[in-house]
Amino acid sequence: MHVEKLKYIIWAQDTNRALKFYRDVFDAEVVRQSDVMVEIKVAGSAIGIHGGGEGGKRTWTGLSFQVADLFAACVALRAGGGTVLREPEDTPEEPAHLAMCADTEGNEIMITKRRE
C-alpha cells in the first residue's frame, strides 16, 4: 500500500482559536481551511484541526514539538493561551528536556529539547 500523506488529527471547540494558537506558538502554516477543519503544517508535519471538540475536557494527543530552548517555548506557549501542566525541571542527572502542556482546546502536547 502506498501512503500518500500522514496527518495527525486533533479536535477543537473553536478551530479559529486553535489555529491562532498553533500559528503564534509553533509558526504553523495553513495548508487548507474550511468551515469545519483546518489543515496546518508545522516543521513539515501535517496536523488536522477539526471542529466538534468538547470544551474543558483534556485529551492526550501524542504530539511532541522539539525546540532549541525549552524554557522560552513554555513562555511562548503561555503567551499564546496554552497551559504548562508540568514545568520543565533540571535534575542532577540531566538538564530539563520536556514540558507537558495543553493547547487552548485542552489537547495535551509535549514540548521537548534534544537530549545531550
PDB file of N, CA and C in Angstrom:
ATOM      1  N   MET A   1       0.843  -1.173   0.000  1.00  0.00           N
ATOM      2  CA  MET A   1       0.000   0.000   0.000  1.00  0.00           C
ATOM      3  C   MET A   1       0.891   1.239   0.000  1.00  0.00           C
ATOM      4  N   HIS A   2       0.583   2.180  -0.853  1.00  0.00           N
ATOM      5  CA  HIS A   2       1.295   3.444  -0.916  1.00  0.00           C
ATOM      6  C   HIS A   2       0.532   4.483  -0.103  1.00  0.00           C
ATOM      7  N   VAL A   3       1.170   5.033   0.924  1.00  0.00           N
ATOM      8  CA  VAL A   3       0.545   6.078   1.729  1.00  0.00           C
ATOM      9  C   VAL A   3       0.902   7.422   1.100  1.00  0.00           C
ATOM     10  N   GLU A   4      -0.114   8.199   0.751  1.00  0.00           N
ATOM     11  CA  GLU A   4       0.110   9.493   0.119  1.00  0.00           C
ATOM     12  C   GLU A   4       0.492  10.582   1.118  1.00  0.00           C
ATOM     13  N   LYS A   5      -0.064  10.485   2.318  1.00  0.00           N
ATOM     14  CA  LYS A   5       0.171  11.524   3.316  1.00  0.00           C
ATOM     15  C   LYS A   5      -0.180  10.977   4.686  1.00  0.00           C
ATOM     16  N   LEU A   6       0.574  11.369   5.690  1.00  0.00           N
ATOM     17  CA  LEU A   6       0.260  11.019   7.068  1.00  0.00           C
ATOM     18  C   LEU A   6      -0.100  12.312   7.785  1.00  0.00           C
ATOM     19  N   LYS A   7      -1.266  12.331   8.423  1.00  0.00           N
ATOM     20  CA  LYS A   7      -1.738  13.545   9.089  1.00  0.00           C
ATOM     21  C   LYS A   7      -2.259  13.168  10.465  1.00  0.00           C
ATOM     22  N   TYR A   8      -1.935  13.948  11.453  1.00  0.00           N
ATOM     23  CA  TYR A   8      -2.437  13.745  12.797  1.00  0.00           C
ATOM     24  C   TYR A   8      -3.636  14.651  13.004  1.00  0.00           C
ATOM     25  N   ILE A   9      -4.712  14.138  13.597  1.00  0.00           N
ATOM     26  CA  ILE A   9      -5.940  14.898  13.795  1.00  0.00           C
ATOM     27  C   ILE A   9      -6.127  15.224  15.272  1.00  0.00           C
ATOM     28  N   ILE A  10      -6.437  16.493  15.555  1.00  0.00           N
ATOM     29  CA  ILE A  10      -6.830  16.893  16.900  1.00  0.00           C
ATOM     30  C   ILE A  10      -8.182  17.591  16.810  1.00  0.00           C
ATOM     31  N   TRP A  11      -8.854  17.699  17.946  1.00  0.00           N
ATOM     32  CA  TRP A  11     -10.198  18.284  17.987  1.00  0.00           C
ATOM     33  C   TRP A  11     -10.161  19.645  18.650  1.00  0.00           C
ATOM     34  N   ALA A  12     -11.056  20.517  18.217  1.00  0.00           N
ATOM     35  CA  ALA A  12     -11.132  21.862  18.778  1.00  0.00           C
ATOM     36  C   ALA A  12     -12.578  22.287  18.925  1.00  0.00           C
ATOM     37  N   GLN A  13     -12.880  22.904  20.049  1.00  0.00           N
ATOM     38  CA  GLN A  13     -14.192  23.511  20.213  1.00  0.00           C
ATOM     39  C   GLN A  13     -14.261  24.767  19.344  1.00  0.00           C
ATOM     40  N   ASP A  14     -13.132  25.456  19.209  1.00  0.00           N
ATOM     41  CA  ASP A  14     -13.056  26.689  18.425  1.00  0.00           C
ATOM     42  C   ASP A  14     -11.841  26.573  17.490  1.00  0.00           C
ATOM     43  N   THR A  15     -12.078  26.216  16.224  1.00  0.00           N
ATOM     44  CA  THR A  15     -10.964  25.989  15.297  1.00  0.00           C
ATOM     45  C   THR A  15     -10.156  27.266  15.033  1.00  0.00           C
ATOM     46  N   ASN A  16     -10.805  28.427  15.032  1.00  0.00           N
ATOM     47  CA  ASN A  16     -10.073  29.680  14.818  1.00  0.00           C
ATOM     48  C   ASN A  16      -9.122  29.963  15.975  1.00  0.00           C
ATOM     49  N   ARG A  17      -9.578  29.718  17.199  1.00  0.00           N
ATOM     50  CA  ARG A  17      -8.726  29.915  18.370  1.00  0.00           C
ATOM     51  C   ARG A  17      -7.552  28.937  18.346  1.00  0.00           C
ATOM     52  N   ALA A  18      -7.829  27.684  17.988  1.00  0.00           N
ATOM     53  CA  ALA A  18      -6.768  26.679  17.899  1.00  0.00           C
ATOM     54  C   ALA A  18      -5.768  27.045  16.808  1.00  0.00           C
ATOM     55  N   LEU A  19      -6.259  27.491  15.663  1.00  0.00           N
ATOM     56  CA  LEU A  19      -5.375  27.888  14.574  1.00  0.00           C
ATOM     57  C   LEU A  19      -4.474  29.041  15.011  1.00  0.00           C
ATOM     58  N   LYS A  20      -5.033  30.045  15.680  1.00  0.00           N
ATOM     59  CA  LYS A  20      -4.234  31.172  16.166  1.00  0.00           C
ATOM     60  C   LYS A  20      -3.147  30.672  17.111  1.00  0.00           C
ATOM     61  N   PHE A  21      -3.488  29.763  18.008  1.00  0.00           N
ATOM     62  CA  PHE A  21      -2.515  29.210  18.950  1.00  0.00           C
ATOM     63  C   PHE A  21      -1.351  28.544  18.212  1.00  0.00           C
ATOM     64  N   TYR A  22      -1.648  27.652  17.281  1.00  0.00           N
ATOM     65  CA  TYR A  22      -0.589  26.922  16.582  1.00  0.00           C
ATOM     66  C   TYR A  22       0.221  27.830  15.659  1.00  0.00           C
ATOM     67  N   ARG A  23      -0.411  28.846  15.104  1.00  0.00           N
ATOM     68  CA  ARG A  23       0.331  29.829  14.299  1.00  0.00           C
ATOM     69  C   ARG A  23       1.273  30.645  15.187  1.00  0.00           C
ATOM     70  N   ASP A  24       0.737  31.178  16.286  1.00  0.00           N
ATOM     71  CA  ASP A  24       1.511  32.058  17.159  1.00  0.00           C
ATOM     72  C   ASP A  24       2.638  31.322  17.879  1.00  0.00           C
ATOM     73  N   VAL A  25       2.349  30.131  18.370  1.00  0.00           N
ATOM     74  CA  VAL A  25       3.317  29.423  19.203  1.00  0.00           C
ATOM     75  C   VAL A  25       4.284  28.567  18.389  1.00  0.00           C
ATOM     76  N   PHE A  26       3.786  27.855  17.377  1.00  0.00           N
ATOM     77  CA  PHE A  26       4.616  26.898  16.646  1.00  0.00           C
ATOM     78  C   PHE A  26       4.856  27.280  15.184  1.00  0.00           C
ATOM     79  N   ASP A  27       4.516  28.508  14.816  1.00  0.00           N
ATOM     80  CA  ASP A  27       4.755  29.015  13.470  1.00  0.00           C
ATOM     81  C   ASP A  27       4.119  28.133  12.385  1.00  0.00           C
ATOM     82  N   ALA A  28       2.909  27.660  12.665  1.00  0.00           N
ATOM     83  CA  ALA A  28       2.199  26.801  11.720  1.00  0.00           C
ATOM     84  C   ALA A  28       1.777  27.571  10.483  1.00  0.00           C
ATOM     85  N   GLU A  29       1.759  26.867   9.358  1.00  0.00           N
ATOM     86  CA  GLU A  29       1.239  27.480   8.129  1.00  0.00           C
ATOM     87  C   GLU A  29      -0.014  26.717   7.706  1.00  0.00           C
ATOM     88  N   VAL A  30      -0.999  27.449   7.232  1.00  0.00           N
ATOM     89  CA  VAL A  30      -2.259  26.844   6.805  1.00  0.00           C
ATOM     90  C   VAL A  30      -2.072  26.214   5.431  1.00  0.00           C
ATOM     91  N   VAL A  31      -2.454  24.945   5.318  1.00  0.00           N
ATOM     92  CA  VAL A  31      -2.427  24.236   4.044  1.00  0.00           C
ATOM     93  C   VAL A  31      -3.778  24.386   3.363  1.00  0.00           C
ATOM     94  N   ARG A  32      -4.851  24.190   4.134  1.00  0.00           N
ATOM     95  CA  ARG A  32      -6.203  24.425   3.632  1.00  0.00           C
ATOM     96  C   ARG A  32      -7.127  24.624   4.803  1.00  0.00           C
ATOM     97  N   GLN A  33      -8.267  25.258   4.548  1.00  0.00           N
ATOM     98  CA  GLN A  33      -9.195  25.586   5.621  1.00  0.00           C
ATOM     99  C   GLN A  33     -10.620  25.561   5.091  1.00  0.00           C
ATOM    100  N   SER A  34     -11.522  25.044   5.912  1.00  0.00           N
ATOM    101  CA  SER A  34     -12.950  25.072   5.594  1.00  0.00           C
ATOM    102  C   SER A  34     -13.702  25.482   6.850  1.00  0.00           C
ATOM    103  N   ASP A  35     -15.017  25.413   6.802  1.00  0.00           N
ATOM    104  CA  ASP A  35     -15.829  25.774   7.964  1.00  0.00           C
ATOM    105  C   ASP A  35     -15.665  24.792   9.121  1.00  0.00           C
ATOM    106  N   VAL A  36     -15.282  23.554   8.836  1.00  0.00           N
ATOM    107  CA  VAL A  36     -15.224  22.529   9.887  1.00  0.00           C
ATOM    108  C   VAL A  36     -13.834  22.033  10.220  1.00  0.00           C
ATOM    109  N   MET A  37     -12.828  22.396   9.412  1.00  0.00           N
ATOM    110  CA  MET A  37     -11.478  21.921   9.695  1.00  0.00           C
ATOM    111  C   MET A  37     -10.425  22.852   9.131  1.00  0.00           C
ATOM    112  N   VAL A  38      -9.222  22.739   9.710  1.00  0.00           N
ATOM    113  CA  VAL A  38      -8.058  23.463   9.222  1.00  0.00           C
ATOM    114  C   VAL A  38      -6.920  22.458   9.164  1.00  0.00           C
ATOM    115  N   GLU A  39      -6.224  22.417   8.044  1.00  0.00           N
ATOM    116  CA  GLU A  39      -5.028  21.586   7.955  1.00  0.00           C
ATOM    117  C   GLU A  39      -3.829  22.520   8.009  1.00  0.00           C
ATOM    118  N   ILE A  40      -2.924  22.231   8.952  1.00  0.00           N
ATOM    119  CA  ILE A  40      -1.735  23.052   9.108  1.00  0.00           C
ATOM    120  C   ILE A  40      -0.488  22.199   8.935  1.00  0.00           C
ATOM    121  N   LYS A  41       0.616  22.892   8.736  1.00  0.00           N
ATOM    122  CA  LYS A  41       1.906  22.223   8.639  1.00  0.00           C
ATOM    123  C   LYS A  41       2.841  22.880   9.646  1.00  0.00           C
ATOM    124  N   VAL A  42       3.476  22.045  10.478  1.00  0.00           N
ATOM    125  CA  VAL A  42       4.456  22.507  11.452  1.00  0.00           C
ATOM    126  C   VAL A  42       5.713  21.671  11.250  1.00  0.00           C
ATOM    127  N   ALA A  43       6.808  22.321  10.920  1.00  0.00           N
ATOM    128  CA  ALA A  43       8.096  21.636  10.709  1.00  0.00           C
ATOM    129  C   ALA A  43       7.948  20.478   9.726  1.00  0.00           C
ATOM    130  N   GLY A  44       7.147  20.688   8.683  1.00  0.00           N
ATOM    131  CA  GLY A  44       6.978  19.683   7.647  1.00  0.00           C
ATOM    132  C   GLY A  44       5.959  18.602   7.949  1.00  0.00           C
ATOM    133  N   SER A  45       5.346  18.637   9.130  1.00  0.00           N
ATOM    134  CA  SER A  45       4.352  17.620   9.508  1.00  0.00           C
ATOM    135  C   SER A  45       2.941  18.199   9.448  1.00  0.00           C
ATOM    136  N   ALA A  46       1.995  17.370   9.014  1.00  0.00           N
ATOM    137  CA  ALA A  46       0.607  17.806   8.848  1.00  0.00           C
ATOM    138  C   ALA A  46      -0.209  17.511  10.100  1.00  0.00           C
ATOM    139  N   ILE A  47      -1.006  18.512  10.496  1.00  0.00           N
ATOM    140  CA  ILE A  47      -1.940  18.365  11.609  1.00  0.00           C
ATOM    141  C   ILE A  47      -3.289  18.873  11.128  1.00  0.00           C
ATOM    142  N   GLY A  48      -4.314  18.073  11.320  1.00  0.00           N
ATOM    143  CA  GLY A  48      -5.676  18.495  11.003  1.00  0.00           C
ATOM    144  C   GLY A  48      -6.369  18.904  12.290  1.00  0.00           C
ATOM    145  N   ILE A  49      -6.925  20.102  12.300  1.00  0.00           N
ATOM    146  CA  ILE A  49      -7.692  20.576  13.460  1.00  0.00           C
ATOM    147  C   ILE A  49      -9.151  20.560  13.051  1.00  0.00           C
ATOM    148  N   HIS A  50      -9.924  19.692  13.681  1.00  0.00           N
ATOM    149  CA  HIS A  50     -11.336  19.533  13.320  1.00  0.00           C
ATOM    150  C   HIS A  50     -12.234  20.082  14.414  1.00  0.00           C
ATOM    151  N   GLY A  51     -13.327  20.716  13.998  1.00  0.00           N
ATOM    152  CA  GLY A  51     -14.324  21.202  14.936  1.00  0.00           C
ATOM    153  C   GLY A  51     -15.039  20.033  15.594  1.00  0.00           C
ATOM    154  N   GLY A  52     -15.758  20.331  16.656  1.00  0.00           N
ATOM    155  CA  GLY A  52     -16.519  19.304  17.354  1.00  0.00           C
ATOM    156  C   GLY A  52     -15.915  18.897  18.673  1.00  0.00           C
ATOM    157  N   GLY A  53     -14.803  19.523  19.062  1.00  0.00           N
ATOM    158  CA  GLY A  53     -14.197  19.211  20.352  1.00  0.00           C
ATOM    159  C   GLY A  53     -15.064  19.696  21.497  1.00  0.00           C
ATOM    160  N   GLU A  54     -14.916  19.046  22.642  1.00  0.00           N
ATOM    161  CA  GLU A  54     -15.688  19.414  23.823  1.00  0.00           C
ATOM    162  C   GLU A  54     -14.851  20.324  24.699  1.00  0.00           C
ATOM    163  N   GLY A  55     -15.372  21.489  24.999  1.00  0.00           N
ATOM    164  CA  GLY A  55     -14.652  22.443  25.822  1.00  0.00           C
ATOM    165  C   GLY A  55     -14.395  21.933  27.221  1.00  0.00           C
ATOM    166  N   GLY A  56     -13.217  22.253  27.744  1.00  0.00           N
ATOM    167  CA  GLY A  56     -12.893  21.909  29.117  1.00  0.00           C
ATOM    168  C   GLY A  56     -12.424  20.492  29.348  1.00  0.00           C
ATOM    169  N   LYS A  57     -12.450  19.645  28.336  1.00  0.00           N
ATOM    170  CA  LYS A  57     -12.015  18.258  28.501  1.00  0.00           C
ATOM    171  C   LYS A  57     -10.615  18.105  27.927  1.00  0.00           C
ATOM    172  N   ARG A  58      -9.719  17.536  28.712  1.00  0.00           N
ATOM    173  CA  ARG A  58      -8.349  17.309  28.259  1.00  0.00           C
ATOM    174  C   ARG A  58      -8.271  16.028  27.463  1.00  0.00           C
ATOM    175  N   THR A  59      -7.460  16.059  26.407  1.00  0.00           N
ATOM    176  CA  THR A  59      -7.260  14.898  25.544  1.00  0.00           C
ATOM    177  C   THR A  59      -5.774  14.759  25.269  1.00  0.00           C
ATOM    178  N   TRP A  60      -5.194  13.591  25.576  1.00  0.00           N
ATOM    179  CA  TRP A  60      -3.794  13.343  25.252  1.00  0.00           C
ATOM    180  C   TRP A  60      -3.692  13.110  23.755  1.00  0.00           C
ATOM    181  N   THR A  61      -2.783  13.823  23.083  1.00  0.00           N
ATOM    182  CA  THR A  61      -2.683  13.728  21.631  1.00  0.00           C
ATOM    183  C   THR A  61      -1.513  12.887  21.152  1.00  0.00           C
ATOM    184  N   GLY A  62      -0.432  12.838  21.926  1.00  0.00           N
ATOM    185  CA  GLY A  62       0.785  12.195  21.447  1.00  0.00           C
ATOM    186  C   GLY A  62       1.652  13.143  20.642  1.00  0.00           C
ATOM    187  N   LEU A  63       1.221  14.401  20.462  1.00  0.00           N
ATOM    188  CA  LEU A  63       2.017  15.377  19.721  1.00  0.00           C
ATOM    189  C   LEU A  63       3.176  15.869  20.572  1.00  0.00           C
ATOM    190  N   SER A  64       4.349  15.941  19.955  1.00  0.00           N
ATOM    191  CA  SER A  64       5.544  16.429  20.630  1.00  0.00           C
ATOM    192  C   SER A  64       6.261  17.389  19.692  1.00  0.00           C
ATOM    193  N   PHE A  65       6.631  18.548  20.216  1.00  0.00           N
ATOM    194  CA  PHE A  65       7.311  19.575  19.444  1.00  0.00           C
ATOM    195  C   PHE A  65       8.710  19.759  20.022  1.00  0.00           C
ATOM    196  N   GLN A  66       9.741  19.443  19.257  1.00  0.00           N
ATOM    197  CA  GLN A  66      11.118  19.606  19.723  1.00  0.00           C
ATOM    198  C   GLN A  66      11.604  21.013  19.384  1.00  0.00           C
ATOM    199  N   VAL A  67      12.175  21.670  20.385  1.00  0.00           N
ATOM    200  CA  VAL A  67      12.646  23.048  20.236  1.00  0.00           C
ATOM    201  C   VAL A  67      14.068  23.171  20.779  1.00  0.00           C
ATOM    202  N   ALA A  68      14.721  24.282  20.446  1.00  0.00           N
ATOM    203  CA  ALA A  68      16.079  24.507  20.932  1.00  0.00           C
ATOM    204  C   ALA A  68      16.078  25.016  22.377  1.00  0.00           C
ATOM    205  N   ASP A  69      15.108  25.880  22.728  1.00  0.00           N
ATOM    206  CA  ASP A  69      15.062  26.474  24.064  1.00  0.00           C
ATOM    207  C   ASP A  69      13.723  26.125  24.714  1.00  0.00           C
ATOM    208  N   LEU A  70      13.746  25.143  25.580  1.00  0.00           N
ATOM    209  CA  LEU A  70      12.538  24.622  26.222  1.00  0.00           C
ATOM    210  C   LEU A  70      11.850  25.674  27.089  1.00  0.00           C
ATOM    211  N   PHE A  71      12.628  26.419  27.860  1.00  0.00           N
ATOM    212  CA  PHE A  71      12.039  27.412  28.764  1.00  0.00           C
ATOM    213  C   PHE A  71      11.404  28.570  27.987  1.00  0.00           C
ATOM    214  N   ALA A  72      12.050  29.028  26.921  1.00  0.00           N
ATOM    215  CA  ALA A  72      11.472  30.081  26.076  1.00  0.00           C
ATOM    216  C   ALA A  72      10.203  29.578  25.392  1.00  0.00           C
ATOM    217  N   ALA A  73      10.181  28.311  25.005  1.00  0.00           N
ATOM    218  CA  ALA A  73       8.988  27.742  24.368  1.00  0.00           C
ATOM    219  C   ALA A  73       7.810  27.732  25.338  1.00  0.00           C
ATOM    220  N   CYS A  74       8.067  27.460  26.603  1.00  0.00           N
ATOM    221  CA  CYS A  74       6.985  27.481  27.597  1.00  0.00           C
ATOM    222  C   CYS A  74       6.437  28.896  27.777  1.00  0.00           C
ATOM    223  N   VAL A  75       7.305  29.881  27.740  1.00  0.00           N
ATOM    224  CA  VAL A  75       6.869  31.285  27.825  1.00  0.00           C
ATOM    225  C   VAL A  75       5.987  31.616  26.614  1.00  0.00           C
ATOM    226  N   ALA A  76       6.420  31.218  25.418  1.00  0.00           N
ATOM    227  CA  ALA A  76       5.645  31.478  24.200  1.00  0.00           C
ATOM    228  C   ALA A  76       4.310  30.744  24.224  1.00  0.00           C
ATOM    229  N   LEU A  77       4.312  29.515  24.725  1.00  0.00           N
ATOM    230  CA  LEU A  77       3.082  28.729  24.807  1.00  0.00           C
ATOM    231  C   LEU A  77       2.070  29.437  25.708  1.00  0.00           C
ATOM    232  N   ARG A  78       2.511  29.892  26.860  1.00  0.00           N
ATOM    233  CA  ARG A  78       1.611  30.622  27.769  1.00  0.00           C
ATOM    234  C   ARG A  78       1.105  31.910  27.117  1.00  0.00           C
ATOM    235  N   ALA A  79       1.998  32.638  26.455  1.00  0.00           N
ATOM    236  CA  ALA A  79       1.606  33.892  25.799  1.00  0.00           C
ATOM    237  C   ALA A  79       0.565  33.641  24.715  1.00  0.00           C
ATOM    238  N   GLY A  80       0.598  32.459  24.099  1.00  0.00           N
ATOM    239  CA  GLY A  80      -0.362  32.104  23.065  1.00  0.00           C
ATOM    240  C   GLY A  80      -1.668  31.556  23.607  1.00  0.00           C
ATOM    241  N   GLY A  81      -1.807  31.463  24.935  1.00  0.00           N
ATOM    242  CA  GLY A  81      -3.054  30.988  25.538  1.00  0.00           C
ATOM    243  C   GLY A  81      -3.013  29.554  26.013  1.00  0.00           C
ATOM    244  N   GLY A  82      -1.876  28.877  25.842  1.00  0.00           N
ATOM    245  CA  GLY A  82      -1.742  27.498  26.302  1.00  0.00           C
ATOM    246  C   GLY A  82      -1.406  27.432  27.780  1.00  0.00           C
ATOM    247  N   THR A  83      -1.326  26.200  28.295  1.00  0.00           N
ATOM    248  CA  THR A  83      -1.054  25.959  29.701  1.00  0.00           C
ATOM    249  C   THR A  83       0.107  24.979  29.831  1.00  0.00           C
ATOM    250  N   VAL A  84       1.038  25.284  30.723  1.00  0.00           N
ATOM    251  CA  VAL A  84       2.103  24.335  31.048  1.00  0.00           C
ATOM    252  C   VAL A  84       1.602  23.513  32.229  1.00  0.00           C
ATOM    253  N   LEU A  85       1.391  22.224  31.999  1.00  0.00           N
ATOM    254  CA  LEU A  85       0.851  21.334  33.027  1.00  0.00           C
ATOM    255  C   LEU A  85       1.948  20.789  33.939  1.00  0.00           C
ATOM    256  N   ARG A  86       3.115  20.551  33.350  1.00  0.00           N
ATOM    257  CA  ARG A  86       4.271  20.088  34.119  1.00  0.00           C
ATOM    258  C   ARG A  86       5.481  20.865  33.623  1.00  0.00           C
ATOM    259  N   GLU A  87       5.993  21.715  34.496  1.00  0.00           N
ATOM    260  CA  GLU A  87       7.127  22.571  34.155  1.00  0.00           C
ATOM    261  C   GLU A  87       8.363  21.737  33.835  1.00  0.00           C
ATOM    262  N   PRO A  88       9.219  22.243  32.949  1.00  0.00           N
ATOM    263  CA  PRO A  88      10.496  21.574  32.724  1.00  0.00           C
ATOM    264  C   PRO A  88      11.368  21.750  33.960  1.00  0.00           C
ATOM    265  N   GLU A  89      12.059  20.692  34.345  1.00  0.00           N
ATOM    266  CA  GLU A  89      12.901  20.759  35.533  1.00  0.00           C
ATOM    267  C   GLU A  89      14.262  20.156  35.247  1.00  0.00           C
ATOM    268  N   ASP A  90      15.299  20.875  35.676  1.00  0.00           N
ATOM    269  CA  ASP A  90      16.640  20.319  35.643  1.00  0.00           C
ATOM    270  C   ASP A  90      16.742  19.297  36.781  1.00  0.00           C
ATOM    271  N   THR A  91      17.472  18.222  36.543  1.00  0.00           N
ATOM    272  CA  THR A  91      17.723  17.228  37.586  1.00  0.00           C
ATOM    273  C   THR A  91      19.233  17.049  37.717  1.00  0.00           C
ATOM    274  N   PRO A  92      19.678  16.425  38.804  1.00  0.00           N
ATOM    275  CA  PRO A  92      21.120  16.180  38.927  1.00  0.00           C
ATOM    276  C   PRO A  92      21.659  15.305  37.790  1.00  0.00           C
ATOM    277  N   GLU A  93      20.810  14.465  37.212  1.00  0.00           N
ATOM    278  CA  GLU A  93      21.237  13.550  36.153  1.00  0.00           C
ATOM    279  C   GLU A  93      21.350  14.220  34.791  1.00  0.00           C
ATOM    280  N   GLU A  94      20.456  15.168  34.502  1.00  0.00           N
ATOM    281  CA  GLU A  94      20.455  15.808  33.194  1.00  0.00           C
ATOM    282  C   GLU A  94      19.655  17.105  33.223  1.00  0.00           C
ATOM    283  N   PRO A  95      19.931  17.985  32.252  1.00  0.00           N
ATOM    284  CA  PRO A  95      19.140  19.221  32.153  1.00  0.00           C
ATOM    285  C   PRO A  95      17.697  18.907  31.738  1.00  0.00           C
ATOM    286  N   ALA A  96      16.823  19.856  32.009  1.00  0.00           N
ATOM    287  CA  ALA A  96      15.413  19.692  31.624  1.00  0.00           C
ATOM    288  C   ALA A  96      15.305  19.365  30.148  1.00  0.00           C
ATOM    289  N   HIS A  97      14.424  18.405  29.810  1.00  0.00           N
ATOM    290  CA  HIS A  97      14.273  18.030  28.401  1.00  0.00           C
ATOM    291  C   HIS A  97      12.820  17.946  27.953  1.00  0.00           C
ATOM    292  N   LEU A  98      11.837  18.131  28.858  1.00  0.00           N
ATOM    293  CA  LEU A  98      10.453  18.130  28.401  1.00  0.00           C
ATOM    294  C   LEU A  98       9.538  18.897  29.333  1.00  0.00           C
ATOM    295  N   ALA A  99       8.451  19.384  28.763  1.00  0.00           N
ATOM    296  CA  ALA A  99       7.371  20.031  29.497  1.00  0.00           C
ATOM    297  C   ALA A  99       6.063  19.461  28.966  1.00  0.00           C
ATOM    298  N   MET A 100       5.164  19.131  29.856  1.00  0.00           N
ATOM    299  CA  MET A 100       3.827  18.677  29.474  1.00  0.00           C
ATOM    300  C   MET A 100       2.930  19.908  29.439  1.00  0.00           C
ATOM    301  N   CYS A 101       2.182  20.060  28.346  1.00  0.00           N
ATOM    302  CA  CYS A 101       1.418  21.284  28.118  1.00  0.00           C
ATOM    303  C   CYS A 101       0.033  20.956  27.557  1.00  0.00           C
ATOM    304  N   ALA A 102      -0.791  21.987  27.428  1.00  0.00           N
ATOM    305  CA  ALA A 102      -2.095  21.861  26.773  1.00  0.00           C
ATOM    306  C   ALA A 102      -2.310  23.083  25.900  1.00  0.00           C
ATOM    307  N   ASP A 103      -2.935  22.869  24.736  1.00  0.00           N
ATOM    308  CA  ASP A 103      -3.263  23.997  23.865  1.00  0.00           C
ATOM    309  C   ASP A 103      -4.539  24.671  24.364  1.00  0.00           C
ATOM    310  N   THR A 104      -5.041  25.626  23.634  1.00  0.00           N
ATOM    311  CA  THR A 104      -6.233  26.373  24.038  1.00  0.00           C
ATOM    312  C   THR A 104      -7.488  25.520  24.074  1.00  0.00           C
ATOM    313  N   GLU A 105      -7.446  24.355  23.412  1.00  0.00           N
ATOM    314  CA  GLU A 105      -8.626  23.485  23.318  1.00  0.00           C
ATOM    315  C   GLU A 105      -8.582  22.310  24.288  1.00  0.00           C
ATOM    316  N   GLY A 106      -7.530  22.239  25.113  1.00  0.00           N
ATOM    317  CA  GLY A 106      -7.398  21.135  26.060  1.00  0.00           C
ATOM    318  C   GLY A 106      -6.642  19.939  25.514  1.00  0.00           C
ATOM    319  N   ASN A 107      -6.101  20.052  24.289  1.00  0.00           N
ATOM    320  CA  ASN A 107      -5.295  18.966  23.721  1.00  0.00           C
ATOM    321  C   ASN A 107      -3.924  18.978  24.388  1.00  0.00           C
ATOM    322  N   GLU A 108      -3.559  17.865  25.027  1.00  0.00           N
ATOM    323  CA  GLU A 108      -2.282  17.778  25.721  1.00  0.00           C
ATOM    324  C   GLU A 108      -1.163  17.487  24.732  1.00  0.00           C
ATOM    325  N   ILE A 109      -0.087  18.251  24.853  1.00  0.00           N
ATOM    326  CA  ILE A 109       1.071  18.128  23.969  1.00  0.00           C
ATOM    327  C   ILE A 109       2.339  18.175  24.811  1.00  0.00           C
ATOM    328  N   MET A 110       3.440  17.741  24.226  1.00  0.00           N
ATOM    329  CA  MET A 110       4.735  17.849  24.872  1.00  0.00           C
ATOM    330  C   MET A 110       5.590  18.827  24.094  1.00  0.00           C
ATOM    331  N   ILE A 111       6.395  19.572  24.838  1.00  0.00           N
ATOM    332  CA  ILE A 111       7.466  20.349  24.225  1.00  0.00           C
ATOM    333  C   ILE A 111       8.751  19.720  24.747  1.00  0.00           C
ATOM    334  N   THR A 112       9.645  19.376  23.840  1.00  0.00           N
ATOM    335  CA  THR A 112      10.871  18.701  24.244  1.00  0.00           C
ATOM    336  C   THR A 112      12.098  19.445  23.733  1.00  0.00           C
ATOM    337  N   LYS A 113      13.205  19.149  24.374  1.00  0.00           N
ATOM    338  CA  LYS A 113      14.513  19.641  23.942  1.00  0.00           C
ATOM    339  C   LYS A 113      15.369  18.427  23.692  1.00  0.00           C
ATOM    340  N   ARG A 114      16.144  18.480  22.653  1.00  0.00           N
ATOM    341  CA  ARG A 114      17.015  17.357  22.319  1.00  0.00           C
ATOM    342  C   ARG A 114      17.937  17.062  23.503  1.00  0.00           C
ATOM    343  N   ARG A 115      18.005  15.792  23.867  1.00  0.00           N
ATOM    344  CA  ARG A 115      18.877  15.395  24.975  1.00  0.00           C
ATOM    345  C   ARG A 115      20.329  15.430  24.515  1.00  0.00           C
ATOM    346  N   GLU A 116      21.170  15.854  25.423  1.00  0.00           N
ATOM    347  CA  GLU A 116      22.604  15.969  25.120  1.00  0.00           C
ATOM    348  C   GLU A 116      23.228  14.594  24.902  1.00  0.00           C
TER     349      GLU A 116
END
